[in-house]
Amino acid sequence: MDVLIHIFVGLHIIGIASLLGGFLTQMKAMGAGAARFVPAMLHGALTMLITGVALVGLNQAQDYSVDNIKIGVKLALLIVILGLVYVKRDEEKVDKGVFGLVGLLTMANIFIAVLWT
């Protein structure tokens, strides 16, 4: 079961890399006011959601301790990110504030995962 958990952790990291990478590739366009949410960002957020839920389930099945408050905060941030990316995914240009908010929430999610112990 630990191998399965590690596989899902790897997939979760790939999801966050896709979301953050999509954001970072659009930074120059954001400065010009032409940023848009690329499909990689949506797919990364969905990957994070699915693998995150699977990780919580697998960890609870193994009787490992799960910080439900931390998971709840991370899930809330991810739902906001996913909602913004999903709703604005077809727009040619996304407002700088909304685009920056997605990047900020993504980085906050990363730091919560790493620093909240």
PDB file of N, CA and C in Angstrom:
ATOM      1  N   MET A   1       0.828  -1.193   0.000  1.00  0.00           N
ATOM      2  CA  MET A   1       0.000   0.000   0.000  1.00  0.00           C
ATOM      3  C   MET A   1       0.866   1.249   0.000  1.00  0.00           C
ATOM      4  N   ASP A   2       2.033   1.190   0.651  1.00  0.00           N
ATOM      5  CA  ASP A   2       2.923   2.352   0.670  1.00  0.00           C
ATOM      6  C   ASP A   2       3.401   2.712  -0.737  1.00  0.00           C
ATOM      7  N   VAL A   3       3.621   1.715  -1.577  1.00  0.00           N
ATOM      8  CA  VAL A   3       4.037   1.986  -2.953  1.00  0.00           C
ATOM      9  C   VAL A   3       2.937   2.748  -3.680  1.00  0.00           C
ATOM     10  N   LEU A   4       1.693   2.364  -3.472  1.00  0.00           N
ATOM     11  CA  LEU A   4       0.561   3.043  -4.098  1.00  0.00           C
ATOM     12  C   LEU A   4       0.459   4.495  -3.614  1.00  0.00           C
ATOM     13  N   ILE A   5       0.682   4.696  -2.328  1.00  0.00           N
ATOM     14  CA  ILE A   5       0.670   6.059  -1.784  1.00  0.00           C
ATOM     15  C   ILE A   5       1.769   6.894  -2.431  1.00  0.00           C
ATOM     16  N   HIS A   6       2.956   6.332  -2.591  1.00  0.00           N
ATOM     17  CA  HIS A   6       4.059   7.060  -3.212  1.00  0.00           C
ATOM     18  C   HIS A   6       3.768   7.381  -4.682  1.00  0.00           C
ATOM     19  N   ILE A   7       3.107   6.470  -5.371  1.00  0.00           N
ATOM     20  CA  ILE A   7       2.728   6.725  -6.766  1.00  0.00           C
ATOM     21  C   ILE A   7       1.764   7.904  -6.836  1.00  0.00           C
ATOM     22  N   PHE A   8       0.776   7.927  -5.934  1.00  0.00           N
ATOM     23  CA  PHE A   8      -0.176   9.033  -5.933  1.00  0.00           C
ATOM     24  C   PHE A   8       0.486  10.347  -5.513  1.00  0.00           C
ATOM     25  N   VAL A   9       1.468  10.296  -4.618  1.00  0.00           N
ATOM     26  CA  VAL A   9       2.208  11.515  -4.264  1.00  0.00           C
ATOM     27  C   VAL A   9       2.939  12.041  -5.499  1.00  0.00           C
ATOM     28  N   GLY A  10       3.562  11.156  -6.251  1.00  0.00           N
ATOM     29  CA  GLY A  10       4.238  11.559  -7.488  1.00  0.00           C
ATOM     30  C   GLY A  10       3.277  12.179  -8.484  1.00  0.00           C
ATOM     31  N   LEU A  11       2.104  11.579  -8.649  1.00  0.00           N
ATOM     32  CA  LEU A  11       1.097  12.133  -9.554  1.00  0.00           C
ATOM     33  C   LEU A  11       0.583  13.477  -9.055  1.00  0.00           C
ATOM     34  N   HIS A  12       0.469  13.619  -7.734  1.00  0.00           N
ATOM     35  CA  HIS A  12       0.035  14.879  -7.141  1.00  0.00           C
ATOM     36  C   HIS A  12       1.063  15.984  -7.435  1.00  0.00           C
ATOM     37  N   ILE A  13       2.332  15.650  -7.343  1.00  0.00           N
ATOM     38  CA  ILE A  13       3.394  16.606  -7.645  1.00  0.00           C
ATOM     39  C   ILE A  13       3.379  16.969  -9.127  1.00  0.00           C
ATOM     40  N   ILE A  14       3.115  16.009  -9.992  1.00  0.00           N
ATOM     41  CA  ILE A  14       2.994  16.299 -11.423  1.00  0.00           C
ATOM     42  C   ILE A  14       1.841  17.268 -11.670  1.00  0.00           C
ATOM     43  N   GLY A  15       0.730  17.087 -10.947  1.00  0.00           N
ATOM     44  CA  GLY A  15      -0.409  17.990 -11.078  1.00  0.00           C
ATOM     45  C   GLY A  15      -0.060  19.407 -10.668  1.00  0.00           C
ATOM     46  N   ILE A  16       0.633  19.561  -9.536  1.00  0.00           N
ATOM     47  CA  ILE A  16       1.010  20.897  -9.078  1.00  0.00           C
ATOM     48  C   ILE A  16       2.026  21.504 -10.037  1.00  0.00           C
ATOM     49  N   ALA A  17       2.903  20.695 -10.596  1.00  0.00           N
ATOM     50  CA  ALA A  17       3.876  21.203 -11.564  1.00  0.00           C
ATOM     51  C   ALA A  17       3.172  21.701 -12.823  1.00  0.00           C
ATOM     52  N   SER A  18       2.155  21.004 -13.247  1.00  0.00           N
ATOM     53  CA  SER A  18       1.397  21.417 -14.421  1.00  0.00           C
ATOM     54  C   SER A  18       0.663  22.728 -14.175  1.00  0.00           C
ATOM     55  N   LEU A  19       0.033  22.843 -13.016  1.00  0.00           N
ATOM     56  CA  LEU A  19      -0.694  24.063 -12.679  1.00  0.00           C
ATOM     57  C   LEU A  19       0.254  25.247 -12.541  1.00  0.00           C
ATOM     58  N   LEU A  20       1.317  25.084 -11.768  1.00  0.00           N
ATOM     59  CA  LEU A  20       2.262  26.177 -11.553  1.00  0.00           C
ATOM     60  C   LEU A  20       3.053  26.475 -12.828  1.00  0.00           C
ATOM     61  N   GLY A  21       3.420  25.442 -13.573  1.00  0.00           N
ATOM     62  CA  GLY A  21       4.147  25.647 -14.830  1.00  0.00           C
ATOM     63  C   GLY A  21       3.313  26.416 -15.842  1.00  0.00           C
ATOM     64  N   GLY A  22       2.034  26.084 -15.931  1.00  0.00           N
ATOM     65  CA  GLY A  22       1.145  26.825 -16.822  1.00  0.00           C
ATOM     66  C   GLY A  22       1.052  28.283 -16.423  1.00  0.00           C
ATOM     67  N   PHE A  23       0.997  28.533 -15.126  1.00  0.00           N
ATOM     68  CA  PHE A  23       0.964  29.908 -14.636  1.00  0.00           C
ATOM     69  C   PHE A  23       2.259  30.637 -14.989  1.00  0.00           C
ATOM     70  N   LEU A  24       3.389  30.004 -14.711  1.00  0.00           N
ATOM     71  CA  LEU A  24       4.681  30.657 -14.932  1.00  0.00           C
ATOM     72  C   LEU A  24       4.942  30.941 -16.407  1.00  0.00           C
ATOM     73  N   THR A  25       4.467  30.065 -17.295  1.00  0.00           N
ATOM     74  CA  THR A  25       4.672  30.309 -18.726  1.00  0.00           C
ATOM     75  C   THR A  25       3.851  31.493 -19.228  1.00  0.00           C
ATOM     76  N   GLN A  26       2.828  31.880 -18.504  1.00  0.00           N
ATOM     77  CA  GLN A  26       1.975  32.997 -18.897  1.00  0.00           C
ATOM     78  C   GLN A  26       2.349  34.305 -18.191  1.00  0.00           C
ATOM     79  N   MET A  27       3.390  34.300 -17.382  1.00  0.00           N
ATOM     80  CA  MET A  27       3.770  35.497 -16.634  1.00  0.00           C
ATOM     81  C   MET A  27       4.108  36.675 -17.560  1.00  0.00           C
ATOM     82  N   LYS A  28       4.837  36.425 -18.630  1.00  0.00           N
ATOM     83  CA  LYS A  28       5.187  37.499 -19.553  1.00  0.00           C
ATOM     84  C   LYS A  28       3.926  38.045 -20.217  1.00  0.00           C
ATOM     85  N   ALA A  29       3.021  37.150 -20.584  1.00  0.00           N
ATOM     86  CA  ALA A  29       1.762  37.577 -21.191  1.00  0.00           C
ATOM     87  C   ALA A  29       0.912  38.340 -20.184  1.00  0.00           C
ATOM     88  N   MET A  30       1.006  37.989 -18.915  1.00  0.00           N
ATOM     89  CA  MET A  30       0.252  38.703 -17.882  1.00  0.00           C
ATOM     90  C   MET A  30       0.719  40.152 -17.802  1.00  0.00           C
ATOM     91  N   GLY A  31       2.007  40.361 -17.922  1.00  0.00           N
ATOM     92  CA  GLY A  31       2.542  41.716 -17.912  1.00  0.00           C
ATOM     93  C   GLY A  31       2.012  42.542 -19.070  1.00  0.00           C
ATOM     94  N   ALA A  32       1.758  41.883 -20.206  1.00  0.00           N
ATOM     95  CA  ALA A  32       1.231  42.572 -21.387  1.00  0.00           C
ATOM     96  C   ALA A  32      -0.293  42.617 -21.382  1.00  0.00           C
ATOM     97  N   GLY A  33      -0.916  41.995 -20.385  1.00  0.00           N
ATOM     98  CA  GLY A  33      -2.374  41.983 -20.315  1.00  0.00           C
ATOM     99  C   GLY A  33      -3.027  40.957 -21.212  1.00  0.00           C
ATOM    100  N   ALA A  34      -2.266  39.959 -21.662  1.00  0.00           N
ATOM    101  CA  ALA A  34      -2.798  38.960 -22.587  1.00  0.00           C
ATOM    102  C   ALA A  34      -2.739  37.546 -22.015  1.00  0.00           C
ATOM    103  N   ALA A  35      -2.660  37.407 -20.711  1.00  0.00           N
ATOM    104  CA  ALA A  35      -2.560  36.079 -20.100  1.00  0.00           C
ATOM    105  C   ALA A  35      -3.875  35.335 -20.249  1.00  0.00           C
ATOM    106  N   ARG A  36      -3.769  34.033 -20.352  1.00  0.00           N
ATOM    107  CA  ARG A  36      -4.952  33.183 -20.399  1.00  0.00           C
ATOM    108  C   ARG A  36      -4.654  31.880 -19.667  1.00  0.00           C
ATOM    109  N   PHE A  37      -5.712  31.205 -19.254  1.00  0.00           N
ATOM    110  CA  PHE A  37      -5.540  29.923 -18.573  1.00  0.00           C
ATOM    111  C   PHE A  37      -5.370  28.839 -19.630  1.00  0.00           C
ATOM    112  N   VAL A  38      -4.203  28.226 -19.631  1.00  0.00           N
ATOM    113  CA  VAL A  38      -3.907  27.174 -20.605  1.00  0.00           C
ATOM    114  C   VAL A  38      -4.477  25.851 -20.105  1.00  0.00           C
ATOM    115  N   PRO A  39      -4.735  24.903 -21.025  1.00  0.00           N
ATOM    116  CA  PRO A  39      -5.305  23.614 -20.610  1.00  0.00           C
ATOM    117  C   PRO A  39      -4.480  22.883 -19.558  1.00  0.00           C
ATOM    118  N   ALA A  40      -3.169  23.068 -19.566  1.00  0.00           N
ATOM    119  CA  ALA A  40      -2.321  22.396 -18.573  1.00  0.00           C
ATOM    120  C   ALA A  40      -2.696  22.807 -17.155  1.00  0.00           C
ATOM    121  N   MET A  41      -3.147  24.030 -16.992  1.00  0.00           N
ATOM    122  CA  MET A  41      -3.528  24.507 -15.661  1.00  0.00           C
ATOM    123  C   MET A  41      -4.789  23.798 -15.184  1.00  0.00           C
ATOM    124  N   LEU A  42      -5.762  23.648 -16.061  1.00  0.00           N
ATOM    125  CA  LEU A  42      -6.988  22.938 -15.701  1.00  0.00           C
ATOM    126  C   LEU A  42      -6.694  21.473 -15.416  1.00  0.00           C
ATOM    127  N   HIS A  43      -5.917  20.843 -16.271  1.00  0.00           N
ATOM    128  CA  HIS A  43      -5.588  19.429 -16.079  1.00  0.00           C
ATOM    129  C   HIS A  43      -4.767  19.214 -14.812  1.00  0.00           C
ATOM    130  N   GLY A  44      -3.864  20.133 -14.523  1.00  0.00           N
ATOM    131  CA  GLY A  44      -3.071  20.030 -13.298  1.00  0.00           C
ATOM    132  C   GLY A  44      -3.938  20.149 -12.053  1.00  0.00           C
ATOM    133  N   ALA A  45      -4.888  21.099 -12.059  1.00  0.00           N
ATOM    134  CA  ALA A  45      -5.778  21.265 -10.907  1.00  0.00           C
ATOM    135  C   ALA A  45      -6.668  20.044 -10.718  1.00  0.00           C
ATOM    136  N   LEU A  46      -7.169  19.493 -11.812  1.00  0.00           N
ATOM    137  CA  LEU A  46      -7.996  18.279 -11.705  1.00  0.00           C
ATOM    138  C   LEU A  46      -7.173  17.093 -11.205  1.00  0.00           C
ATOM    139  N   THR A  47      -5.944  16.983 -11.690  1.00  0.00           N
ATOM    140  CA  THR A  47      -5.053  15.911 -11.223  1.00  0.00           C
ATOM    141  C   THR A  47      -4.791  16.041  -9.734  1.00  0.00           C
ATOM    142  N   MET A  48      -4.554  17.280  -9.282  1.00  0.00           N
ATOM    143  CA  MET A  48      -4.332  17.504  -7.858  1.00  0.00           C
ATOM    144  C   MET A  48      -5.555  17.107  -7.038  1.00  0.00           C
ATOM    145  N   LEU A  49      -6.739  17.453  -7.517  1.00  0.00           N
ATOM    146  CA  LEU A  49      -7.960  17.129  -6.785  1.00  0.00           C
ATOM    147  C   LEU A  49      -8.148  15.618  -6.667  1.00  0.00           C
ATOM    148  N   ILE A  50      -8.024  14.923  -7.774  1.00  0.00           N
ATOM    149  CA  ILE A  50      -8.253  13.472  -7.778  1.00  0.00           C
ATOM    150  C   ILE A  50      -7.198  12.747  -6.947  1.00  0.00           C
ATOM    151  N   THR A  51      -5.928  13.091  -7.152  1.00  0.00           N
ATOM    152  CA  THR A  51      -4.876  12.396  -6.408  1.00  0.00           C
ATOM    153  C   THR A  51      -4.890  12.785  -4.936  1.00  0.00           C
ATOM    154  N   GLY A  52      -5.263  14.025  -4.631  1.00  0.00           N
ATOM    155  CA  GLY A  52      -5.349  14.445  -3.230  1.00  0.00           C
ATOM    156  C   GLY A  52      -6.419  13.682  -2.472  1.00  0.00           C
ATOM    157  N   VAL A  53      -7.585  13.532  -3.087  1.00  0.00           N
ATOM    158  CA  VAL A  53      -8.661  12.757  -2.456  1.00  0.00           C
ATOM    159  C   VAL A  53      -8.222  11.302  -2.286  1.00  0.00           C
ATOM    160  N   ALA A  54      -7.564  10.768  -3.303  1.00  0.00           N
ATOM    161  CA  ALA A  54      -7.086   9.382  -3.217  1.00  0.00           C
ATOM    162  C   ALA A  54      -6.045   9.236  -2.106  1.00  0.00           C
ATOM    163  N   LEU A  55      -5.165  10.214  -1.974  1.00  0.00           N
ATOM    164  CA  LEU A  55      -4.139  10.153  -0.927  1.00  0.00           C
ATOM    165  C   LEU A  55      -4.745  10.189   0.469  1.00  0.00           C
ATOM    166  N   VAL A  56      -5.745  11.030   0.662  1.00  0.00           N
ATOM    167  CA  VAL A  56      -6.396  11.072   1.974  1.00  0.00           C
ATOM    168  C   VAL A  56      -7.035   9.725   2.274  1.00  0.00           C
ATOM    169  N   GLY A  57      -7.726   9.160   1.303  1.00  0.00           N
ATOM    170  CA  GLY A  57      -8.362   7.858   1.498  1.00  0.00           C
ATOM    171  C   GLY A  57      -7.358   6.754   1.774  1.00  0.00           C
ATOM    172  N   LEU A  58      -6.284   6.726   1.013  1.00  0.00           N
ATOM    173  CA  LEU A  58      -5.267   5.691   1.211  1.00  0.00           C
ATOM    174  C   LEU A  58      -4.577   5.831   2.568  1.00  0.00           C
ATOM    175  N   ASN A  59      -4.285   7.064   2.964  1.00  0.00           N
ATOM    176  CA  ASN A  59      -3.648   7.272   4.268  1.00  0.00           C
ATOM    177  C   ASN A  59      -4.578   6.893   5.407  1.00  0.00           C
ATOM    178  N   GLN A  60      -5.847   7.222   5.290  1.00  0.00           N
ATOM    179  CA  GLN A  60      -6.794   6.829   6.336  1.00  0.00           C
ATOM    180  C   GLN A  60      -7.000   5.317   6.362  1.00  0.00           C
ATOM    181  N   ALA A  61      -6.955   4.676   5.200  1.00  0.00           N
ATOM    182  CA  ALA A  61      -7.091   3.219   5.150  1.00  0.00           C
ATOM    183  C   ALA A  61      -5.917   2.529   5.831  1.00  0.00           C
ATOM    184  N   GLN A  62      -4.756   3.153   5.806  1.00  0.00           N
ATOM    185  CA  GLN A  62      -3.565   2.610   6.462  1.00  0.00           C
ATOM    186  C   GLN A  62      -3.480   3.019   7.924  1.00  0.00           C
ATOM    187  N   ASP A  63      -4.466   3.742   8.428  1.00  0.00           N
ATOM    188  CA  ASP A  63      -4.479   4.265   9.795  1.00  0.00           C
ATOM    189  C   ASP A  63      -3.341   5.235  10.070  1.00  0.00           C
ATOM    190  N   TYR A  64      -2.881   5.926   9.014  1.00  0.00           N
ATOM    191  CA  TYR A  64      -1.917   6.997   9.201  1.00  0.00           C
ATOM    192  C   TYR A  64      -2.695   8.233   9.644  1.00  0.00           C
ATOM    193  N   SER A  65      -2.040   9.096  10.403  1.00  0.00           N
ATOM    194  CA  SER A  65      -2.726  10.302  10.862  1.00  0.00           C
ATOM    195  C   SER A  65      -2.872  11.289   9.697  1.00  0.00           C
ATOM    196  N   VAL A  66      -4.047  11.871   9.614  1.00  0.00           N
ATOM    197  CA  VAL A  66      -4.347  12.857   8.580  1.00  0.00           C
ATOM    198  C   VAL A  66      -4.826  14.116   9.286  1.00  0.00           C
ATOM    199  N   ASP A  67      -4.195  15.250   8.989  1.00  0.00           N
ATOM    200  CA  ASP A  67      -4.603  16.531   9.566  1.00  0.00           C
ATOM    201  C   ASP A  67      -5.773  17.054   8.745  1.00  0.00           C
ATOM    202  N   ASN A  68      -6.978  16.825   9.234  1.00  0.00           N
ATOM    203  CA  ASN A  68      -8.173  17.168   8.467  1.00  0.00           C
ATOM    204  C   ASN A  68      -8.331  18.668   8.258  1.00  0.00           C
ATOM    205  N   ILE A  69      -7.853  19.477   9.179  1.00  0.00           N
ATOM    206  CA  ILE A  69      -7.940  20.928   8.998  1.00  0.00           C
ATOM    207  C   ILE A  69      -7.017  21.364   7.857  1.00  0.00           C
ATOM    208  N   LYS A  70      -5.814  20.844   7.843  1.00  0.00           N
ATOM    209  CA  LYS A  70      -4.873  21.162   6.761  1.00  0.00           C
ATOM    210  C   LYS A  70      -5.441  20.720   5.418  1.00  0.00           C
ATOM    211  N   ILE A  71      -5.973  19.515   5.368  1.00  0.00           N
ATOM    212  CA  ILE A  71      -6.540  19.003   4.126  1.00  0.00           C
ATOM    213  C   ILE A  71      -7.734  19.852   3.700  1.00  0.00           C
ATOM    214  N   GLY A  72      -8.546  20.283   4.661  1.00  0.00           N
ATOM    215  CA  GLY A  72      -9.695  21.131   4.351  1.00  0.00           C
ATOM    216  C   GLY A  72      -9.289  22.472   3.777  1.00  0.00           C
ATOM    217  N   VAL A  73      -8.235  23.085   4.340  1.00  0.00           N
ATOM    218  CA  VAL A  73      -7.746  24.368   3.830  1.00  0.00           C
ATOM    219  C   VAL A  73      -7.194  24.191   2.422  1.00  0.00           C
ATOM    220  N   LYS A  74      -6.394  23.150   2.222  1.00  0.00           N
ATOM    221  CA  LYS A  74      -5.845  22.892   0.897  1.00  0.00           C
ATOM    222  C   LYS A  74      -6.947  22.608  -0.120  1.00  0.00           C
ATOM    223  N   LEU A  75      -7.962  21.868   0.290  1.00  0.00           N
ATOM    224  CA  LEU A  75      -9.072  21.566  -0.606  1.00  0.00           C
ATOM    225  C   LEU A  75      -9.851  22.826  -0.957  1.00  0.00           C
ATOM    226  N   ALA A  76     -10.074  23.690   0.018  1.00  0.00           N
ATOM    227  CA  ALA A  76     -10.787  24.945  -0.242  1.00  0.00           C
ATOM    228  C   ALA A  76     -10.024  25.807  -1.245  1.00  0.00           C
ATOM    229  N   LEU A  77      -8.708  25.928  -1.059  1.00  0.00           N
ATOM    230  CA  LEU A  77      -7.900  26.696  -2.008  1.00  0.00           C
ATOM    231  C   LEU A  77      -7.956  26.083  -3.398  1.00  0.00           C
ATOM    232  N   LEU A  78      -7.868  24.762  -3.466  1.00  0.00           N
ATOM    233  CA  LEU A  78      -7.883  24.089  -4.763  1.00  0.00           C
ATOM    234  C   LEU A  78      -9.231  24.245  -5.455  1.00  0.00           C
ATOM    235  N   ILE A  79     -10.316  24.225  -4.704  1.00  0.00           N
ATOM    236  CA  ILE A  79     -11.637  24.407  -5.314  1.00  0.00           C
ATOM    237  C   ILE A  79     -11.769  25.818  -5.886  1.00  0.00           C
ATOM    238  N   VAL A  80     -11.244  26.812  -5.183  1.00  0.00           N
ATOM    239  CA  VAL A  80     -11.261  28.182  -5.715  1.00  0.00           C
ATOM    240  C   VAL A  80     -10.418  28.256  -6.988  1.00  0.00           C
ATOM    241  N   ILE A  81      -9.234  27.677  -6.955  1.00  0.00           N
ATOM    242  CA  ILE A  81      -8.363  27.661  -8.135  1.00  0.00           C
ATOM    243  C   ILE A  81      -9.072  26.974  -9.295  1.00  0.00           C
ATOM    244  N   LEU A  82      -9.599  25.796  -9.038  1.00  0.00           N
ATOM    245  CA  LEU A  82     -10.259  25.025 -10.081  1.00  0.00           C
ATOM    246  C   LEU A  82     -11.463  25.768 -10.636  1.00  0.00           C
ATOM    247  N   GLY A  83     -12.231  26.402  -9.766  1.00  0.00           N
ATOM    248  CA  GLY A  83     -13.388  27.161 -10.228  1.00  0.00           C
ATOM    249  C   GLY A  83     -12.988  28.314 -11.127  1.00  0.00           C
ATOM    250  N   LEU A  84     -11.978  29.074 -10.727  1.00  0.00           N
ATOM    251  CA  LEU A  84     -11.533  30.200 -11.541  1.00  0.00           C
ATOM    252  C   LEU A  84     -10.989  29.742 -12.892  1.00  0.00           C
ATOM    253  N   VAL A  85     -10.155  28.719 -12.871  1.00  0.00           N
ATOM    254  CA  VAL A  85      -9.564  28.228 -14.119  1.00  0.00           C
ATOM    255  C   VAL A  85     -10.647  27.650 -15.025  1.00  0.00           C
ATOM    256  N   TYR A  86     -11.592  26.912 -14.453  1.00  0.00           N
ATOM    257  CA  TYR A  86     -12.638  26.286 -15.271  1.00  0.00           C
ATOM    258  C   TYR A  86     -13.556  27.333 -15.905  1.00  0.00           C
ATOM    259  N   VAL A  87     -13.960  28.320 -15.117  1.00  0.00           N
ATOM    260  CA  VAL A  87     -14.894  29.325 -15.630  1.00  0.00           C
ATOM    261  C   VAL A  87     -14.235  30.209 -16.689  1.00  0.00           C
ATOM    262  N   LYS A  88     -12.972  30.540 -16.501  1.00  0.00           N
ATOM    263  CA  LYS A  88     -12.284  31.475 -17.394  1.00  0.00           C
ATOM    264  C   LYS A  88     -11.437  30.779 -18.464  1.00  0.00           C
ATOM    265  N   ARG A  89     -11.545  29.473 -18.596  1.00  0.00           N
ATOM    266  CA  ARG A  89     -10.645  28.731 -19.473  1.00  0.00           C
ATOM    267  C   ARG A  89     -10.779  29.070 -20.951  1.00  0.00           C
ATOM    268  N   ASP A  90     -11.945  29.520 -21.405  1.00  0.00           N
ATOM    269  CA  ASP A  90     -12.162  29.804 -22.821  1.00  0.00           C
ATOM    270  C   ASP A  90     -11.954  31.272 -23.188  1.00  0.00           C
ATOM    271  N   GLU A  91     -11.664  32.105 -22.205  1.00  0.00           N
ATOM    272  CA  GLU A  91     -11.464  33.522 -22.487  1.00  0.00           C
ATOM    273  C   GLU A  91     -10.086  33.754 -23.097  1.00  0.00           C
ATOM    274  N   GLU A  92     -10.044  34.629 -24.093  1.00  0.00           N
ATOM    275  CA  GLU A  92      -8.772  34.953 -24.746  1.00  0.00           C
ATOM    276  C   GLU A  92      -7.818  35.679 -23.811  1.00  0.00           C
ATOM    277  N   LYS A  93      -8.364  36.565 -22.988  1.00  0.00           N
ATOM    278  CA  LYS A  93      -7.554  37.318 -22.034  1.00  0.00           C
ATOM    279  C   LYS A  93      -8.228  37.241 -20.671  1.00  0.00           C
ATOM    280  N   VAL A  94      -7.425  36.991 -19.665  1.00  0.00           N
ATOM    281  CA  VAL A  94      -7.926  36.939 -18.292  1.00  0.00           C
ATOM    282  C   VAL A  94      -7.372  38.155 -17.553  1.00  0.00           C
ATOM    283  N   ASP A  95      -8.207  38.759 -16.728  1.00  0.00           N
ATOM    284  CA  ASP A  95      -7.796  39.907 -15.931  1.00  0.00           C
ATOM    285  C   ASP A  95      -6.541  39.568 -15.125  1.00  0.00           C
ATOM    286  N   LYS A  96      -5.628  40.525 -15.031  1.00  0.00           N
ATOM    287  CA  LYS A  96      -4.374  40.313 -14.295  1.00  0.00           C
ATOM    288  C   LYS A  96      -4.624  39.908 -12.846  1.00  0.00           C
ATOM    289  N   GLY A  97      -5.624  40.511 -12.225  1.00  0.00           N
ATOM    290  CA  GLY A  97      -5.913  40.213 -10.824  1.00  0.00           C
ATOM    291  C   GLY A  97      -6.354  38.777 -10.622  1.00  0.00           C
ATOM    292  N   VAL A  98      -7.230  38.297 -11.500  1.00  0.00           N
ATOM    293  CA  VAL A  98      -7.706  36.914 -11.393  1.00  0.00           C
ATOM    294  C   VAL A  98      -6.573  35.944 -11.682  1.00  0.00           C
ATOM    295  N   PHE A  99      -5.792  36.265 -12.709  1.00  0.00           N
ATOM    296  CA  PHE A  99      -4.684  35.381 -13.058  1.00  0.00           C
ATOM    297  C   PHE A  99      -3.644  35.343 -11.939  1.00  0.00           C
ATOM    298  N   GLY A 100      -3.324  36.512 -11.391  1.00  0.00           N
ATOM    299  CA  GLY A 100      -2.382  36.567 -10.282  1.00  0.00           C
ATOM    300  C   GLY A 100      -2.894  35.851  -9.048  1.00  0.00           C
ATOM    301  N   LEU A 101      -4.219  35.943  -8.806  1.00  0.00           N
ATOM    302  CA  LEU A 101      -4.818  35.253  -7.664  1.00  0.00           C
ATOM    303  C   LEU A 101      -4.641  33.745  -7.777  1.00  0.00           C
ATOM    304  N   VAL A 102      -4.807  33.213  -8.979  1.00  0.00           N
ATOM    305  CA  VAL A 102      -4.616  31.773  -9.165  1.00  0.00           C
ATOM    306  C   VAL A 102      -3.174  31.382  -8.859  1.00  0.00           C
ATOM    307  N   GLY A 103      -2.225  32.174  -9.317  1.00  0.00           N
ATOM    308  CA  GLY A 103      -0.820  31.895  -9.006  1.00  0.00           C
ATOM    309  C   GLY A 103      -0.527  31.995  -7.521  1.00  0.00           C
ATOM    310  N   LEU A 104      -1.081  33.011  -6.872  1.00  0.00           N
ATOM    311  CA  LEU A 104      -0.885  33.195  -5.438  1.00  0.00           C
ATOM    312  C   LEU A 104      -1.489  32.037  -4.644  1.00  0.00           C
ATOM    313  N   LEU A 105      -2.697  31.634  -4.995  1.00  0.00           N
ATOM    314  CA  LEU A 105      -3.341  30.514  -4.298  1.00  0.00           C
ATOM    315  C   LEU A 105      -2.600  29.205  -4.541  1.00  0.00           C
ATOM    316  N   THR A 106      -2.058  29.037  -5.742  1.00  0.00           N
ATOM    317  CA  THR A 106      -1.282  27.832  -6.039  1.00  0.00           C
ATOM    318  C   THR A 106      -0.026  27.766  -5.168  1.00  0.00           C
ATOM    319  N   MET A 107       0.664  28.889  -5.080  1.00  0.00           N
ATOM    320  CA  MET A 107       1.864  28.912  -4.245  1.00  0.00           C
ATOM    321  C   MET A 107       1.510  28.770  -2.765  1.00  0.00           C
ATOM    322  N   ALA A 108       0.409  29.352  -2.346  1.00  0.00           N
ATOM    323  CA  ALA A 108      -0.032  29.186  -0.954  1.00  0.00           C
ATOM    324  C   ALA A 108      -0.309  27.715  -0.668  1.00  0.00           C
ATOM    325  N   ASN A 109      -0.927  27.029  -1.616  1.00  0.00           N
ATOM    326  CA  ASN A 109      -1.221  25.606  -1.456  1.00  0.00           C
ATOM    327  C   ASN A 109       0.070  24.801  -1.306  1.00  0.00           C
ATOM    328  N   ILE A 110       1.084  25.157  -2.073  1.00  0.00           N
ATOM    329  CA  ILE A 110       2.378  24.472  -1.984  1.00  0.00           C
ATOM    330  C   ILE A 110       3.004  24.704  -0.608  1.00  0.00           C
ATOM    331  N   PHE A 111       3.015  25.960  -0.157  1.00  0.00           N
ATOM    332  CA  PHE A 111       3.641  26.259   1.120  1.00  0.00           C
ATOM    333  C   PHE A 111       2.865  25.657   2.292  1.00  0.00           C
ATOM    334  N   ILE A 112       1.556  25.575   2.177  1.00  0.00           N
ATOM    335  CA  ILE A 112       0.775  24.898   3.224  1.00  0.00           C
ATOM    336  C   ILE A 112       1.165  23.431   3.285  1.00  0.00           C
ATOM    337  N   ALA A 113       1.297  22.803   2.127  1.00  0.00           N
ATOM    338  CA  ALA A 113       1.669  21.379   2.088  1.00  0.00           C
ATOM    339  C   ALA A 113       3.033  21.143   2.709  1.00  0.00           C
ATOM    340  N   VAL A 114       3.974  22.033   2.456  1.00  0.00           N
ATOM    341  CA  VAL A 114       5.344  21.826   2.904  1.00  0.00           C
ATOM    342  C   VAL A 114       5.572  22.275   4.345  1.00  0.00           C
ATOM    343  N   LEU A 115       5.015  23.422   4.707  1.00  0.00           N
ATOM    344  CA  LEU A 115       5.353  24.015   6.002  1.00  0.00           C
ATOM    345  C   LEU A 115       4.405  23.664   7.136  1.00  0.00           C
ATOM    346  N   TRP A 116       3.178  23.326   6.844  1.00  0.00           N
ATOM    347  CA  TRP A 116       2.193  23.016   7.897  1.00  0.00           C
ATOM    348  C   TRP A 116       2.455  21.600   8.379  1.00  0.00           C
ATOM    349  N   THR A 117       2.960  21.479   9.587  1.00  0.00           N
ATOM    350  CA  THR A 117       3.245  20.143  10.124  1.00  0.00           C
ATOM    351  C   THR A 117       2.438  19.864  11.362  1.00  0.00           C
TER     352      THR A 117
END
